Full PDB file with SEQRES, HELIX, SHEET, SSBOND, CRYST1, ORIGX, SCALE, CONECT and MASTER records, all heavy atoms in Angstrom:
SEQRES   1 A   37  THR THR ASP ALA THR GLY ALA THR LEU LEU LEU VAL VAL          
SEQRES   2 A   37  ASN ALA PHE TYR LEU ALA ASN GLN LYS PRO LEU ASP SER          
SEQRES   3 A   37  ALA VAL VAL GLU VAL SER THR SER TYR LYS GLY                  
HELIX    1 AA1 ALA A   15  TYR A   17  5                                   3    
CRYST1    1.000    1.000    1.000  90.00  90.00  90.00 P 1           1          
ORIGX1      1.000000  0.000000  0.000000        0.00000                         
ORIGX2      0.000000  1.000000  0.000000        0.00000                         
ORIGX3      0.000000  0.000000  1.000000        0.00000                         
SCALE1      1.000000  0.000000  0.000000        0.00000                         
SCALE2      0.000000  1.000000  0.000000        0.00000                         
SCALE3      0.000000  0.000000  1.000000        0.00000                         
ATOM      1  N   THR A   1     -17.800  -9.129 -17.609  1.00  0.00           N  
ATOM      2  CA  THR A   1     -17.882  -9.834 -18.886  1.00  0.00           C  
ATOM      3  C   THR A   1     -17.880  -8.819 -20.015  1.00  0.00           C  
ATOM      4  O   THR A   1     -18.614  -7.829 -19.953  1.00  0.00           O  
ATOM      5  CB  THR A   1     -19.162 -10.693 -18.949  1.00  0.00           C  
ATOM      6  OG1 THR A   1     -19.161 -11.605 -17.848  1.00  0.00           O  
ATOM      7  CG2 THR A   1     -19.206 -11.498 -20.241  1.00  0.00           C  
ATOM      8  N   THR A   2     -17.080  -9.070 -21.038  1.00  0.00           N  
ATOM      9  CA  THR A   2     -16.936  -8.087 -22.112  1.00  0.00           C  
ATOM     10  C   THR A   2     -18.213  -7.966 -22.937  1.00  0.00           C  
ATOM     11  O   THR A   2     -18.920  -8.939 -23.177  1.00  0.00           O  
ATOM     12  CB  THR A   2     -15.777  -8.455 -23.059  1.00  0.00           C  
ATOM     13  OG1 THR A   2     -16.023  -9.752 -23.626  1.00  0.00           O  
ATOM     14  CG2 THR A   2     -14.451  -8.466 -22.325  1.00  0.00           C  
ATOM     15  N   ASP A   3     -18.471  -6.712 -23.356  1.00  0.00           N  
ATOM     16  CA  ASP A   3     -19.514  -6.445 -24.338  1.00  0.00           C  
ATOM     17  C   ASP A   3     -18.854  -5.734 -25.520  1.00  0.00           C  
ATOM     18  O   ASP A   3     -17.641  -5.841 -25.720  1.00  0.00           O  
ATOM     19  CB  ASP A   3     -20.659  -5.629 -23.732  1.00  0.00           C  
ATOM     20  CG  ASP A   3     -20.177  -4.308 -23.125  1.00  0.00           C  
ATOM     21  OD1 ASP A   3     -19.064  -3.845 -23.465  1.00  0.00           O  
ATOM     22  OD2 ASP A   3     -20.928  -3.719 -22.321  1.00  0.00           O  
ATOM     23  N   ALA A   4     -19.625  -5.001 -26.289  1.00  0.00           N  
ATOM     24  CA  ALA A   4     -19.061  -4.353 -27.474  1.00  0.00           C  
ATOM     25  C   ALA A   4     -18.009  -3.306 -27.128  1.00  0.00           C  
ATOM     26  O   ALA A   4     -17.170  -2.965 -27.969  1.00  0.00           O  
ATOM     27  CB  ALA A   4     -20.182  -3.713 -28.289  1.00  0.00           C  
ATOM     28  N   THR A   5     -18.027  -2.788 -25.898  1.00  0.00           N  
ATOM     29  CA  THR A   5     -17.059  -1.766 -25.499  1.00  0.00           C  
ATOM     30  C   THR A   5     -15.916  -2.322 -24.658  1.00  0.00           C  
ATOM     31  O   THR A   5     -14.961  -1.610 -24.368  1.00  0.00           O  
ATOM     32  CB  THR A   5     -17.753  -0.648 -24.695  1.00  0.00           C  
ATOM     33  OG1 THR A   5     -18.312  -1.194 -23.497  1.00  0.00           O  
ATOM     34  CG2 THR A   5     -18.858  -0.005 -25.514  1.00  0.00           C  
ATOM     35  N   GLY A   6     -15.998  -3.563 -24.236  1.00  0.00           N  
ATOM     36  CA  GLY A   6     -14.960  -4.156 -23.400  1.00  0.00           C  
ATOM     37  C   GLY A   6     -15.497  -4.502 -22.033  1.00  0.00           C  
ATOM     38  O   GLY A   6     -16.654  -4.926 -21.889  1.00  0.00           O  
ATOM     39  N   ALA A   7     -14.665  -4.313 -21.001  1.00  0.00           N  
ATOM     40  CA  ALA A   7     -15.066  -4.606 -19.619  1.00  0.00           C  
ATOM     41  C   ALA A   7     -14.593  -3.480 -18.712  1.00  0.00           C  
ATOM     42  O   ALA A   7     -13.579  -2.829 -19.000  1.00  0.00           O  
ATOM     43  CB  ALA A   7     -14.477  -5.939 -19.165  1.00  0.00           C  
ATOM     44  N   THR A   8     -15.308  -3.277 -17.608  1.00  0.00           N  
ATOM     45  CA  THR A   8     -14.967  -2.195 -16.682  1.00  0.00           C  
ATOM     46  C   THR A   8     -15.358  -2.561 -15.258  1.00  0.00           C  
ATOM     47  O   THR A   8     -16.475  -3.025 -15.016  1.00  0.00           O  
ATOM     48  CB  THR A   8     -15.692  -0.886 -17.045  1.00  0.00           C  
ATOM     49  OG1 THR A   8     -15.383  -0.523 -18.386  1.00  0.00           O  
ATOM     50  CG2 THR A   8     -15.260   0.249 -16.122  1.00  0.00           C  
ATOM     51  N   LEU A   9     -14.425  -2.357 -14.330  1.00  0.00           N  
ATOM     52  CA  LEU A   9     -14.750  -2.335 -12.911  1.00  0.00           C  
ATOM     53  C   LEU A   9     -14.217  -1.031 -12.327  1.00  0.00           C  
ATOM     54  O   LEU A   9     -13.348  -0.387 -12.922  1.00  0.00           O  
ATOM     55  CB  LEU A   9     -14.133  -3.524 -12.164  1.00  0.00           C  
ATOM     56  CG  LEU A   9     -14.823  -4.882 -12.293  1.00  0.00           C  
ATOM     57  CD1 LEU A   9     -14.169  -5.903 -11.357  1.00  0.00           C  
ATOM     58  CD2 LEU A   9     -16.314  -4.810 -12.024  1.00  0.00           C  
ATOM     59  N   LEU A  10     -14.734  -0.658 -11.174  1.00  0.00           N  
ATOM     60  CA  LEU A  10     -14.273   0.536 -10.481  1.00  0.00           C  
ATOM     61  C   LEU A  10     -13.264   0.168  -9.400  1.00  0.00           C  
ATOM     62  O   LEU A  10     -13.414  -0.850  -8.724  1.00  0.00           O  
ATOM     63  CB  LEU A  10     -15.448   1.260  -9.822  1.00  0.00           C  
ATOM     64  CG  LEU A  10     -16.589   1.750 -10.716  1.00  0.00           C  
ATOM     65  CD1 LEU A  10     -17.691   2.348  -9.847  1.00  0.00           C  
ATOM     66  CD2 LEU A  10     -16.098   2.757 -11.728  1.00  0.00           C  
ATOM     67  N   LEU A  11     -12.243   1.007  -9.257  1.00  0.00           N  
ATOM     68  CA  LEU A  11     -11.413   0.967  -8.064  1.00  0.00           C  
ATOM     69  C   LEU A  11     -11.998   2.009  -7.124  1.00  0.00           C  
ATOM     70  O   LEU A  11     -12.134   3.179  -7.493  1.00  0.00           O  
ATOM     71  CB  LEU A  11      -9.956   1.287  -8.384  1.00  0.00           C  
ATOM     72  CG  LEU A  11      -9.029   1.329  -7.163  1.00  0.00           C  
ATOM     73  CD1 LEU A  11      -8.896  -0.050  -6.536  1.00  0.00           C  
ATOM     74  CD2 LEU A  11      -7.664   1.883  -7.538  1.00  0.00           C  
ATOM     75  N   VAL A  12     -12.361   1.578  -5.912  1.00  0.00           N  
ATOM     76  CA  VAL A  12     -13.059   2.447  -4.964  1.00  0.00           C  
ATOM     77  C   VAL A  12     -12.219   2.601  -3.703  1.00  0.00           C  
ATOM     78  O   VAL A  12     -11.656   1.633  -3.192  1.00  0.00           O  
ATOM     79  CB  VAL A  12     -14.442   1.865  -4.594  1.00  0.00           C  
ATOM     80  CG1 VAL A  12     -15.172   2.792  -3.624  1.00  0.00           C  
ATOM     81  CG2 VAL A  12     -15.280   1.635  -5.851  1.00  0.00           C  
ATOM     82  N   VAL A  13     -12.119   3.839  -3.205  1.00  0.00           N  
ATOM     83  CA  VAL A  13     -11.474   4.122  -1.930  1.00  0.00           C  
ATOM     84  C   VAL A  13     -12.468   4.878  -1.064  1.00  0.00           C  
ATOM     85  O   VAL A  13     -13.053   5.868  -1.494  1.00  0.00           O  
ATOM     86  CB  VAL A  13     -10.195   4.961  -2.108  1.00  0.00           C  
ATOM     87  CG1 VAL A  13      -9.652   5.395  -0.739  1.00  0.00           C  
ATOM     88  CG2 VAL A  13      -9.138   4.170  -2.858  1.00  0.00           C  
ATOM     89  N   ASN A  14     -12.684   4.390   0.145  1.00  0.00           N  
ATOM     90  CA  ASN A  14     -13.524   5.088   1.111  1.00  0.00           C  
ATOM     91  C   ASN A  14     -12.613   5.635   2.206  1.00  0.00           C  
ATOM     92  O   ASN A  14     -12.136   4.902   3.075  1.00  0.00           O  
ATOM     93  CB  ASN A  14     -14.572   4.147   1.703  1.00  0.00           C  
ATOM     94  CG  ASN A  14     -15.630   4.898   2.491  1.00  0.00           C  
ATOM     95  OD1 ASN A  14     -15.329   5.857   3.196  1.00  0.00           O  
ATOM     96  ND2 ASN A  14     -16.877   4.459   2.368  1.00  0.00           N  
ATOM     97  N   ALA A  15     -12.361   6.938   2.156  1.00  0.00           N  
ATOM     98  CA  ALA A  15     -11.427   7.567   3.097  1.00  0.00           C  
ATOM     99  C   ALA A  15     -11.901   7.439   4.540  1.00  0.00           C  
ATOM    100  O   ALA A  15     -11.084   7.390   5.467  1.00  0.00           O  
ATOM    101  CB  ALA A  15     -11.248   9.039   2.737  1.00  0.00           C  
ATOM    102  N   PHE A  16     -13.206   7.357   4.749  1.00  0.00           N  
ATOM    103  CA  PHE A  16     -13.749   7.254   6.108  1.00  0.00           C  
ATOM    104  C   PHE A  16     -13.329   5.943   6.773  1.00  0.00           C  
ATOM    105  O   PHE A  16     -13.209   5.878   8.003  1.00  0.00           O  
ATOM    106  CB  PHE A  16     -15.272   7.342   6.055  1.00  0.00           C  
ATOM    107  CG  PHE A  16     -15.940   7.316   7.398  1.00  0.00           C  
ATOM    108  CD1 PHE A  16     -15.982   8.451   8.193  1.00  0.00           C  
ATOM    109  CD2 PHE A  16     -16.535   6.145   7.872  1.00  0.00           C  
ATOM    110  CE1 PHE A  16     -16.603   8.422   9.439  1.00  0.00           C  
ATOM    111  CE2 PHE A  16     -17.156   6.118   9.110  1.00  0.00           C  
ATOM    112  CZ  PHE A  16     -17.188   7.257   9.886  1.00  0.00           C  
ATOM    113  N   TYR A  17     -13.115   4.884   5.965  1.00  0.00           N  
ATOM    114  CA  TYR A  17     -12.794   3.578   6.518  1.00  0.00           C  
ATOM    115  C   TYR A  17     -11.292   3.295   6.579  1.00  0.00           C  
ATOM    116  O   TYR A  17     -10.887   2.207   6.976  1.00  0.00           O  
ATOM    117  CB  TYR A  17     -13.474   2.478   5.698  1.00  0.00           C  
ATOM    118  CG  TYR A  17     -14.966   2.420   5.890  1.00  0.00           C  
ATOM    119  CD1 TYR A  17     -15.802   2.061   4.841  1.00  0.00           C  
ATOM    120  CD2 TYR A  17     -15.540   2.721   7.115  1.00  0.00           C  
ATOM    121  CE1 TYR A  17     -17.178   2.002   5.012  1.00  0.00           C  
ATOM    122  CE2 TYR A  17     -16.915   2.671   7.296  1.00  0.00           C  
ATOM    123  CZ  TYR A  17     -17.733   2.307   6.237  1.00  0.00           C  
ATOM    124  OH  TYR A  17     -19.085   2.255   6.424  1.00  0.00           O  
ATOM    125  N   LEU A  18     -10.459   4.247   6.160  1.00  0.00           N  
ATOM    126  CA  LEU A  18      -9.013   4.036   6.247  1.00  0.00           C  
ATOM    127  C   LEU A  18      -8.586   4.000   7.706  1.00  0.00           C  
ATOM    128  O   LEU A  18      -8.948   4.867   8.502  1.00  0.00           O  
ATOM    129  CB  LEU A  18      -8.272   5.156   5.518  1.00  0.00           C  
ATOM    130  CG  LEU A  18      -8.324   5.132   3.986  1.00  0.00           C  
ATOM    131  CD1 LEU A  18      -7.749   6.418   3.438  1.00  0.00           C  
ATOM    132  CD2 LEU A  18      -7.587   3.925   3.436  1.00  0.00           C  
ATOM    133  N   ALA A  19      -7.780   2.997   8.057  1.00  0.00           N  
ATOM    134  CA  ALA A  19      -7.249   2.926   9.412  1.00  0.00           C  
ATOM    135  C   ALA A  19      -6.183   3.993   9.594  1.00  0.00           C  
ATOM    136  O   ALA A  19      -5.670   4.562   8.622  1.00  0.00           O  
ATOM    137  CB  ALA A  19      -6.668   1.536   9.670  1.00  0.00           C  
ATOM    138  N   ASN A  20      -5.842   4.299  10.836  1.00  0.00           N  
ATOM    139  CA  ASN A  20      -4.841   5.326  11.123  1.00  0.00           C  
ATOM    140  C   ASN A  20      -3.463   4.869  10.656  1.00  0.00           C  
ATOM    141  O   ASN A  20      -2.826   4.029  11.274  1.00  0.00           O  
ATOM    142  CB  ASN A  20      -4.802   5.626  12.628  1.00  0.00           C  
ATOM    143  CG  ASN A  20      -6.081   6.296  13.087  1.00  0.00           C  
ATOM    144  OD1 ASN A  20      -6.812   6.857  12.277  1.00  0.00           O  
ATOM    145  ND2 ASN A  20      -6.351   6.239  14.374  1.00  0.00           N  
ATOM    146  N   GLN A  21      -3.031   5.408   9.563  1.00  0.00           N  
ATOM    147  CA  GLN A  21      -1.727   5.082   9.019  1.00  0.00           C  
ATOM    148  C   GLN A  21      -1.359   6.172   8.010  1.00  0.00           C  
ATOM    149  O   GLN A  21      -2.102   7.106   7.799  1.00  0.00           O  
ATOM    150  CB  GLN A  21      -1.735   3.714   8.359  1.00  0.00           C  
ATOM    151  CG  GLN A  21      -2.701   3.617   7.159  1.00  0.00           C  
ATOM    152  CD  GLN A  21      -2.615   2.279   6.475  1.00  0.00           C  
ATOM    153  OE1 GLN A  21      -2.777   1.248   7.089  1.00  0.00           O  
ATOM    154  NE2 GLN A  21      -2.352   2.291   5.205  1.00  0.00           N  
ATOM    155  N   LYS A  22      -0.197   6.020   7.399  1.00  0.00           N  
ATOM    156  CA  LYS A  22       0.233   7.036   6.440  1.00  0.00           C  
ATOM    157  C   LYS A  22      -0.721   7.074   5.251  1.00  0.00           C  
ATOM    158  O   LYS A  22      -1.330   6.064   4.892  1.00  0.00           O  
ATOM    159  CB  LYS A  22       1.651   6.755   5.969  1.00  0.00           C  
ATOM    160  CG  LYS A  22       1.794   5.477   5.162  1.00  0.00           C  
ATOM    161  CD  LYS A  22       3.240   5.290   4.715  1.00  0.00           C  
ATOM    162  CE  LYS A  22       3.379   4.023   3.857  1.00  0.00           C  
ATOM    163  NZ  LYS A  22       4.770   3.833   3.403  1.00  0.00           N  
ATOM    164  N   PRO A  23      -0.867   8.231   4.610  1.00  0.00           N  
ATOM    165  CA  PRO A  23      -1.776   8.350   3.477  1.00  0.00           C  
ATOM    166  C   PRO A  23      -1.396   7.406   2.332  1.00  0.00           C  
ATOM    167  O   PRO A  23      -0.228   7.161   2.080  1.00  0.00           O  
ATOM    168  CB  PRO A  23      -1.630   9.818   3.057  1.00  0.00           C  
ATOM    169  CG  PRO A  23      -1.128  10.507   4.276  1.00  0.00           C  
ATOM    170  CD  PRO A  23      -0.254   9.516   4.969  1.00  0.00           C  
ATOM    171  N   LEU A  24      -2.400   6.878   1.672  1.00  0.00           N  
ATOM    172  CA  LEU A  24      -2.193   6.003   0.526  1.00  0.00           C  
ATOM    173  C   LEU A  24      -1.811   6.830  -0.699  1.00  0.00           C  
ATOM    174  O   LEU A  24      -2.361   7.890  -0.933  1.00  0.00           O  
ATOM    175  CB  LEU A  24      -3.490   5.243   0.247  1.00  0.00           C  
ATOM    176  CG  LEU A  24      -3.529   4.300  -0.946  1.00  0.00           C  
ATOM    177  CD1 LEU A  24      -2.617   3.111  -0.698  1.00  0.00           C  
ATOM    178  CD2 LEU A  24      -4.957   3.812  -1.174  1.00  0.00           C  
ATOM    179  N   ASP A  25      -0.826   6.357  -1.488  1.00  0.00           N  
ATOM    180  CA  ASP A  25      -0.440   7.121  -2.674  1.00  0.00           C  
ATOM    181  C   ASP A  25      -0.758   6.403  -3.977  1.00  0.00           C  
ATOM    182  O   ASP A  25      -0.796   7.015  -5.036  1.00  0.00           O  
ATOM    183  CB  ASP A  25       1.046   7.491  -2.621  1.00  0.00           C  
ATOM    184  CG  ASP A  25       1.951   6.265  -2.557  1.00  0.00           C  
ATOM    185  OD1 ASP A  25       1.414   5.131  -2.593  1.00  0.00           O  
ATOM    186  OD2 ASP A  25       3.169   6.437  -2.475  1.00  0.00           O  
ATOM    187  N   SER A  26      -1.021   5.097  -3.940  1.00  0.00           N  
ATOM    188  CA  SER A  26      -1.376   4.386  -5.166  1.00  0.00           C  
ATOM    189  C   SER A  26      -1.928   2.998  -4.832  1.00  0.00           C  
ATOM    190  O   SER A  26      -1.749   2.484  -3.730  1.00  0.00           O  
ATOM    191  CB  SER A  26      -0.157   4.236  -6.089  1.00  0.00           C  
ATOM    192  OG  SER A  26       0.807   3.374  -5.505  1.00  0.00           O  
ATOM    193  N   ALA A  27      -2.591   2.434  -5.814  1.00  0.00           N  
ATOM    194  CA  ALA A  27      -3.043   1.043  -5.727  1.00  0.00           C  
ATOM    195  C   ALA A  27      -2.694   0.373  -7.045  1.00  0.00           C  
ATOM    196  O   ALA A  27      -2.656   1.028  -8.095  1.00  0.00           O  
ATOM    197  CB  ALA A  27      -4.539   0.979  -5.473  1.00  0.00           C  
ATOM    198  N   VAL A  28      -2.431  -0.929  -7.004  1.00  0.00           N  
ATOM    199  CA  VAL A  28      -2.052  -1.675  -8.202  1.00  0.00           C  
ATOM    200  C   VAL A  28      -3.088  -2.766  -8.454  1.00  0.00           C  
ATOM    201  O   VAL A  28      -3.413  -3.551  -7.557  1.00  0.00           O  
ATOM    202  CB  VAL A  28      -0.649  -2.298  -8.053  1.00  0.00           C  
ATOM    203  CG1 VAL A  28      -0.277  -3.059  -9.332  1.00  0.00           C  
ATOM    204  CG2 VAL A  28       0.376  -1.222  -7.757  1.00  0.00           C  
ATOM    205  N   VAL A  29      -3.607  -2.784  -9.673  1.00  0.00           N  
ATOM    206  CA  VAL A  29      -4.632  -3.758 -10.053  1.00  0.00           C  
ATOM    207  C   VAL A  29      -4.138  -4.563 -11.251  1.00  0.00           C  
ATOM    208  O   VAL A  29      -3.595  -4.004 -12.206  1.00  0.00           O  
ATOM    209  CB  VAL A  29      -5.955  -3.053 -10.404  1.00  0.00           C  
ATOM    210  CG1 VAL A  29      -7.007  -4.076 -10.840  1.00  0.00           C  
ATOM    211  CG2 VAL A  29      -6.460  -2.242  -9.217  1.00  0.00           C  
ATOM    212  N   GLU A  30      -4.332  -5.873 -11.191  1.00  0.00           N  
ATOM    213  CA  GLU A  30      -3.998  -6.752 -12.311  1.00  0.00           C  
ATOM    214  C   GLU A  30      -5.289  -7.201 -12.989  1.00  0.00           C  
ATOM    215  O   GLU A  30      -6.225  -7.644 -12.319  1.00  0.00           O  
ATOM    216  CB  GLU A  30      -3.227  -7.973 -11.815  1.00  0.00           C  
ATOM    217  CG  GLU A  30      -2.786  -8.914 -12.937  1.00  0.00           C  
ATOM    218  CD  GLU A  30      -2.045 -10.119 -12.397  1.00  0.00           C  
ATOM    219  OE1 GLU A  30      -2.717 -11.105 -12.023  1.00  0.00           O  
ATOM    220  OE2 GLU A  30      -0.799 -10.069 -12.316  1.00  0.00           O  
ATOM    221  N   VAL A  31      -5.331  -7.068 -14.313  1.00  0.00           N  
ATOM    222  CA  VAL A  31      -6.529  -7.426 -15.078  1.00  0.00           C  
ATOM    223  C   VAL A  31      -6.126  -8.488 -16.109  1.00  0.00           C  
ATOM    224  O   VAL A  31      -5.138  -8.320 -16.829  1.00  0.00           O  
ATOM    225  CB  VAL A  31      -7.125  -6.198 -15.794  1.00  0.00           C  
ATOM    226  CG1 VAL A  31      -8.501  -6.531 -16.355  1.00  0.00           C  
ATOM    227  CG2 VAL A  31      -7.211  -5.008 -14.856  1.00  0.00           C  
ATOM    228  N   SER A  32      -6.890  -9.579 -16.187  1.00  0.00           N  
ATOM    229  CA  SER A  32      -6.492 -10.685 -17.071  1.00  0.00           C  
ATOM    230  C   SER A  32      -7.701 -11.334 -17.736  1.00  0.00           C  
ATOM    231  O   SER A  32      -8.829 -11.261 -17.242  1.00  0.00           O  
ATOM    232  CB  SER A  32      -5.726 -11.738 -16.271  1.00  0.00           C  
ATOM    233  OG  SER A  32      -6.536 -12.278 -15.244  1.00  0.00           O  
ATOM    234  N   THR A  33      -7.435 -11.994 -18.859  1.00  0.00           N  
ATOM    235  CA  THR A  33      -8.443 -12.796 -19.542  1.00  0.00           C  
ATOM    236  C   THR A  33      -7.732 -13.854 -20.359  1.00  0.00           C  
ATOM    237  O   THR A  33      -6.523 -13.770 -20.610  1.00  0.00           O  
ATOM    238  CB  THR A  33      -9.352 -11.928 -20.426  1.00  0.00           C  
ATOM    239  OG1 THR A  33     -10.488 -12.700 -20.830  1.00  0.00           O  
ATOM    240  CG2 THR A  33      -8.624 -11.434 -21.667  1.00  0.00           C  
ATOM    241  N   SER A  34      -8.498 -14.869 -20.807  1.00  0.00           N  
ATOM    242  CA  SER A  34      -7.887 -15.970 -21.560  1.00  0.00           C  
ATOM    243  C   SER A  34      -8.880 -16.551 -22.554  1.00  0.00           C  
ATOM    244  O   SER A  34     -10.086 -16.320 -22.462  1.00  0.00           O  
ATOM    245  CB  SER A  34      -7.410 -17.067 -20.597  1.00  0.00           C  
ATOM    246  OG  SER A  34      -8.518 -17.621 -19.900  1.00  0.00           O  
ATOM    247  N   TYR A  35      -8.348 -17.319 -23.482  1.00  0.00           N  
ATOM    248  CA  TYR A  35      -9.152 -18.057 -24.451  1.00  0.00           C  
ATOM    249  C   TYR A  35      -8.498 -19.421 -24.657  1.00  0.00           C  
ATOM    250  O   TYR A  35      -7.288 -19.509 -24.825  1.00  0.00           O  
ATOM    251  CB  TYR A  35      -9.256 -17.288 -25.776  1.00  0.00           C  
ATOM    252  CG  TYR A  35      -9.929 -18.058 -26.883  1.00  0.00           C  
ATOM    253  CD1 TYR A  35     -11.164 -18.659 -26.692  1.00  0.00           C  
ATOM    254  CD2 TYR A  35      -9.320 -18.185 -28.131  1.00  0.00           C  
ATOM    255  CE1 TYR A  35     -11.786 -19.367 -27.705  1.00  0.00           C  
ATOM    256  CE2 TYR A  35      -9.937 -18.886 -29.155  1.00  0.00           C  
ATOM    257  CZ  TYR A  35     -11.163 -19.477 -28.951  1.00  0.00           C  
ATOM    258  OH  TYR A  35     -11.776 -20.187 -29.949  1.00  0.00           O  
ATOM    259  N   LYS A  36      -9.291 -20.468 -24.594  1.00  0.00           N  
ATOM    260  CA  LYS A  36      -8.798 -21.845 -24.660  1.00  0.00           C  
ATOM    261  C   LYS A  36      -7.787 -22.126 -23.554  1.00  0.00           C  
ATOM    262  O   LYS A  36      -6.863 -22.915 -23.722  1.00  0.00           O  
ATOM    263  CB  LYS A  36      -8.189 -22.145 -26.034  1.00  0.00           C  
ATOM    264  CG  LYS A  36      -9.192 -22.153 -27.172  1.00  0.00           C  
ATOM    265  CD  LYS A  36      -8.549 -22.598 -28.480  1.00  0.00           C  
ATOM    266  CE  LYS A  36      -9.550 -22.677 -29.606  1.00  0.00           C  
ATOM    267  NZ  LYS A  36      -8.921 -23.115 -30.887  1.00  0.00           N  
ATOM    268  N   GLY A  37      -7.955 -21.454 -22.420  1.00  0.00           N  
ATOM    269  CA  GLY A  37      -7.072 -21.677 -21.293  1.00  0.00           C  
ATOM    270  C   GLY A  37      -5.738 -20.984 -21.375  1.00  0.00           C  
ATOM    271  O   GLY A  37      -4.876 -21.174 -20.513  1.00  0.00           O  
TER     272      GLY A  37                                                      
MASTER        0    0    0    1    0    0    0    6  271    1    0    3          
END                                                                             
């Protein structure tokens, strides 16, 4: 929820829990908000 500075969440990666596969090179996050729908 926004305050005077805006809003923030963390993108977290735990390397210990990565399954055996090729290394990850990026992640994509979509951030959205609305007013009056």
